[in-house]
């Protein structure tokens, strides 16, 4: 499943999470942290992310919880209920990883976007709520709320894109609750629905690409 080639880069193993760094060393300011869905690995997001942001540095990260032939970000109890201790432990570890990885590679988290799909999107939303200040921009594909207890986090100044699938029978019904939750905590939300199931593809890429361009323009104005 994992390939060390020019397209995917080399797997780095000396931080808390295995990751691949692509496009660094070329004076690029924008960067995307990629958090894959469950049962796959970090390479599964690279091609789609490159179509969304061809000039960005990509940090493709691997979850630490084994699942089938791949990985996930925290333990689940059922498809829509999750181990709360696992969420908190893995989210705290990722917060430290993001800060350390950014420092190592000279990346500015203020210009980073955290792009997560499914279980990866759920890790990103937990990161926003449990460790504010790490994530300034988040693109969440097929997410749902996962925290039983949410702290009184102030997300003012952050931007969040949420894309749900109209035919996603598992996560889709929960997406509006996450939109409401994050909005109440102060993030600027752009919520979209695409006519697909839980899978992601070109329609998502087109929306994210436009949203990234708009977010970058807004940041320059601000």
Protein backbone atom coordinates (compact mmCIF):
# COMPACT_ATOMS: atom_id res chain seq x y z
CA UNK A 1 0.00 0.00 0.00
CA UNK A 2 2.86 2.38 0.77
CA UNK A 3 5.27 3.36 -1.97
CA UNK A 4 8.52 5.28 -1.52
CA UNK A 5 8.73 6.93 -4.94
CA UNK A 6 9.23 10.39 -6.33
CA UNK A 7 5.51 11.09 -6.32
CA UNK A 8 4.90 10.09 -2.70
CA UNK A 9 8.26 11.05 -1.21
CA UNK A 10 10.11 9.23 1.55
CA UNK A 11 8.41 8.09 4.74
CA UNK A 12 9.90 9.90 7.76
CA UNK A 13 9.69 8.00 11.04
CA UNK A 14 11.46 10.06 13.71
CA UNK A 15 8.52 12.16 14.95
CA UNK A 16 5.38 11.05 16.77
CA UNK A 17 3.55 10.31 13.49
CA UNK A 18 5.04 8.87 10.30
CA UNK A 19 4.80 11.41 7.47
CA UNK A 20 5.93 12.34 3.98
CA UNK A 21 7.00 15.84 2.96
CA UNK A 22 6.46 16.86 -0.67
CA UNK A 23 7.31 20.10 -2.44
CA UNK A 24 9.55 21.60 0.24
CA UNK A 25 12.65 23.66 -0.48
CA UNK A 26 11.16 25.67 -3.32
CA UNK A 27 10.22 28.85 -1.47
CA UNK A 28 6.60 27.81 -1.12
CA UNK A 29 4.65 29.52 1.63
CA UNK A 30 1.37 27.60 1.65
CA UNK A 31 1.29 24.11 3.12
CA UNK A 32 -1.30 21.40 3.59
CA UNK A 33 -1.33 18.81 6.34
CA UNK A 34 -3.11 15.76 4.92
CA UNK A 35 -5.05 13.43 7.24
CA UNK A 36 -6.38 10.34 5.49
CA UNK A 37 -9.53 8.33 6.11
CA UNK A 38 -9.66 5.03 7.97
CA UNK A 39 -8.19 1.81 6.60
CA UNK A 40 -5.64 3.43 4.26
CA UNK A 41 -2.38 5.33 4.64
CA UNK A 42 -0.94 8.79 4.07
CA UNK A 43 -0.34 8.29 0.33
CA UNK A 44 -4.09 8.07 -0.34
CA UNK A 45 -4.54 11.85 -0.07
CA UNK A 46 -1.54 13.03 -2.09
CA UNK A 47 -2.94 13.04 -5.64
CA UNK A 48 -6.19 14.73 -4.65
CA UNK A 49 -4.38 17.33 -2.54
CA UNK A 50 -1.97 18.11 -5.37
CA UNK A 51 -4.93 18.77 -7.68
CA UNK A 52 -6.35 21.16 -5.08
CA UNK A 53 -3.12 23.03 -4.34
CA UNK A 54 -0.45 22.33 -6.98
CA UNK A 55 2.02 24.82 -5.51
CA UNK A 56 1.70 23.97 -1.81
CA UNK A 57 4.02 22.00 0.42
CA UNK A 58 2.27 18.77 1.40
CA UNK A 59 2.75 17.06 4.76
CA UNK A 60 1.03 13.68 4.36
CA UNK A 61 0.65 12.15 7.81
CA UNK A 62 -0.18 8.57 8.84
CA UNK A 63 -2.54 7.77 11.71
CA UNK A 64 -1.12 5.53 14.44
CA UNK A 65 -4.05 3.15 15.01
CA UNK A 66 -3.92 0.02 12.79
CA UNK A 67 -7.09 -0.87 10.90
CA UNK A 68 -7.26 -3.71 8.38
CA UNK A 69 -4.52 -3.04 5.80
CA UNK A 70 -4.15 0.60 6.80
CA UNK A 71 -4.49 3.02 9.67
CA UNK A 72 -6.88 5.38 11.44
CA UNK A 73 -6.50 8.30 13.84
CA UNK A 74 -8.26 7.07 16.98
CA UNK A 75 -10.18 4.03 18.19
CA UNK A 76 -13.84 3.63 17.33
CA UNK A 77 -16.55 1.77 19.22
CA UNK A 78 -19.13 1.74 16.42
CA UNK A 79 -19.02 3.47 13.00
CA UNK A 80 -20.35 6.65 14.65
CA UNK A 81 -19.15 6.42 18.28
CA UNK A 82 -15.54 6.77 19.33
CA UNK A 83 -13.21 6.12 22.26
CA UNK A 84 -12.91 9.50 23.97
CA UNK A 85 -9.59 8.77 25.69
CA UNK A 86 -8.10 7.68 22.38
CA UNK A 87 -9.31 10.90 20.73
CA UNK A 88 -7.69 13.04 23.39
CA UNK A 89 -4.39 11.15 23.47
CA UNK A 90 -3.97 11.08 19.70
CA UNK A 91 -5.10 14.68 19.27
CA UNK A 92 -2.59 15.91 21.86
CA UNK A 93 0.15 13.93 20.14
CA UNK A 94 -0.80 15.42 16.79
CA UNK A 95 -0.79 18.96 18.17
CA UNK A 96 2.82 18.45 19.30
CA UNK A 97 3.70 16.80 15.99
CA UNK A 98 2.30 19.69 13.93
CA UNK A 99 4.28 22.26 15.91
CA UNK A 100 7.49 20.23 15.78
CA UNK A 101 7.12 19.35 12.10
CA UNK A 102 6.46 22.96 11.16
CA UNK A 103 9.52 24.13 13.11
CA UNK A 104 11.73 21.44 11.58
CA UNK A 105 10.79 22.30 8.00
CA UNK A 106 10.44 26.07 8.36
CA UNK A 107 6.68 26.04 7.80
CA UNK A 108 4.32 28.71 9.12
CA UNK A 109 1.23 27.18 10.72
CA UNK A 110 -0.49 30.50 10.14
CA UNK A 111 -0.39 29.69 6.42
CA UNK A 112 -1.19 25.99 6.79
CA UNK A 113 -4.43 24.24 5.92
CA UNK A 114 -5.37 21.00 7.62
CA UNK A 115 -7.15 18.83 5.05
CA UNK A 116 -8.87 15.82 6.57
CA UNK A 117 -11.12 13.13 5.18
CA UNK A 118 -13.59 11.12 7.31
CA UNK A 119 -11.67 9.89 10.37
CA UNK A 120 -8.89 12.34 9.47
CA UNK A 121 -11.39 15.20 9.32
CA UNK A 122 -12.64 14.19 12.75
CA UNK A 123 -9.11 14.38 14.12
CA UNK A 124 -8.77 17.90 12.69
CA UNK A 125 -12.02 19.14 14.26
CA UNK A 126 -10.93 17.65 17.60
CA UNK A 127 -7.56 19.38 17.22
CA UNK A 128 -9.33 22.71 16.70
CA UNK A 129 -11.51 22.29 19.78
CA UNK A 130 -8.99 20.71 22.16
CA UNK A 131 -5.81 22.54 21.11
CA UNK A 132 -6.78 25.96 19.73
CA UNK A 133 -4.09 27.95 17.97
CA UNK A 134 -2.64 25.10 15.91
CA UNK A 135 -5.27 25.16 13.14
CA UNK A 136 -6.06 28.42 11.38
CA UNK A 137 -7.67 26.87 8.29
CA UNK A 138 -9.37 23.48 8.05
CA UNK A 139 -10.98 21.68 5.12
CA UNK A 140 -13.10 18.82 6.45
CA UNK A 141 -14.39 16.25 3.96
CA UNK A 142 -17.22 13.96 5.19
CA UNK A 143 -16.80 14.83 8.90
CA UNK A 144 -19.02 14.37 11.95
CA UNK A 145 -18.80 15.50 15.60
CA UNK A 146 -16.89 13.01 17.76
CA UNK A 147 -16.27 14.67 21.14
CA UNK A 148 -18.68 13.89 23.99
CA UNK A 149 -17.46 16.90 25.98
CA UNK A 150 -16.38 20.05 24.17
CA UNK A 151 -14.39 22.75 26.00
CA UNK A 152 -15.27 26.45 25.73
CA UNK A 153 -12.82 27.03 22.89
CA UNK A 154 -12.70 30.36 21.02
CA UNK A 155 -12.09 29.71 17.32
CA UNK A 156 -12.44 33.34 16.24
CA UNK A 157 -10.08 34.04 13.36
CA UNK A 158 -10.15 30.52 11.95
CA UNK A 159 -11.75 29.44 8.67
CA UNK A 160 -13.38 26.07 8.12
CA UNK A 161 -14.75 24.36 5.02
CA UNK A 162 -17.08 21.40 5.54
CA UNK A 163 -18.15 19.22 2.60
CA UNK A 164 -20.80 16.57 3.24
CA UNK A 165 -22.10 13.95 0.82
CA UNK A 166 -25.82 14.03 0.06
CA UNK A 167 -25.86 10.23 -0.22
CA UNK A 168 -23.54 9.61 2.74
CA UNK A 169 -25.88 7.63 4.98
CA UNK A 170 -23.32 7.09 7.76
CA UNK A 171 -21.75 10.52 8.37
CA UNK A 172 -23.99 12.79 6.31
CA UNK A 173 -26.80 13.10 8.88
CA UNK A 174 -24.28 14.32 11.49
CA UNK A 175 -22.61 17.02 9.38
CA UNK A 176 -25.12 19.81 10.24
CA UNK A 177 -24.42 19.30 13.94
CA UNK A 178 -20.69 19.83 13.34
CA UNK A 179 -21.41 22.98 11.33
CA UNK A 180 -23.47 24.31 14.24
CA UNK A 181 -20.88 23.28 16.82
CA UNK A 182 -17.91 24.92 15.12
CA UNK A 183 -19.92 28.02 14.24
CA UNK A 184 -20.89 28.48 17.89
CA UNK A 185 -17.21 28.39 18.80
CA UNK A 186 -16.45 31.24 16.42
CA UNK A 187 -14.94 29.78 13.27
CA UNK A 188 -15.95 31.18 9.89
CA UNK A 189 -17.80 28.29 8.23
CA UNK A 190 -18.34 27.50 4.57
CA UNK A 191 -20.62 24.43 4.44
CA UNK A 192 -21.23 22.56 1.19
CA UNK A 193 -23.04 19.42 0.04
CA UNK A 194 -22.00 17.38 -2.99
CA UNK A 195 -24.17 14.72 -4.68
CA UNK A 196 -22.07 11.73 -3.62
CA UNK A 197 -21.75 9.24 -0.80
CA UNK A 198 -18.90 8.94 1.66
CA UNK A 199 -16.31 8.78 -1.11
CA UNK A 200 -14.48 11.92 -2.22
CA UNK A 201 -13.31 13.01 -5.65
CA UNK A 202 -13.19 15.76 -8.27
CA UNK A 203 -16.23 17.75 -7.01
CA UNK A 204 -14.59 18.03 -3.58
CA UNK A 205 -11.25 19.00 -5.12
CA UNK A 206 -12.85 21.82 -7.13
CA UNK A 207 -14.59 23.23 -4.05
CA UNK A 208 -11.47 23.03 -1.89
CA UNK A 209 -9.33 24.64 -4.59
CA UNK A 210 -11.65 27.64 -4.83
CA UNK A 211 -11.93 27.88 -1.05
CA UNK A 212 -8.16 27.81 -0.60
CA UNK A 213 -7.77 30.60 -3.13
CA UNK A 214 -10.38 32.68 -1.33
CA UNK A 215 -8.82 32.02 2.07
CA UNK A 216 -5.39 33.02 0.82
CA UNK A 217 -6.79 36.25 -0.63
CA UNK A 218 -8.62 37.03 2.62
CA UNK A 219 -5.44 36.43 4.62
CA UNK A 220 -3.51 38.90 2.44
CA UNK A 221 -6.21 41.53 2.87
CA UNK A 222 -6.28 40.94 6.62
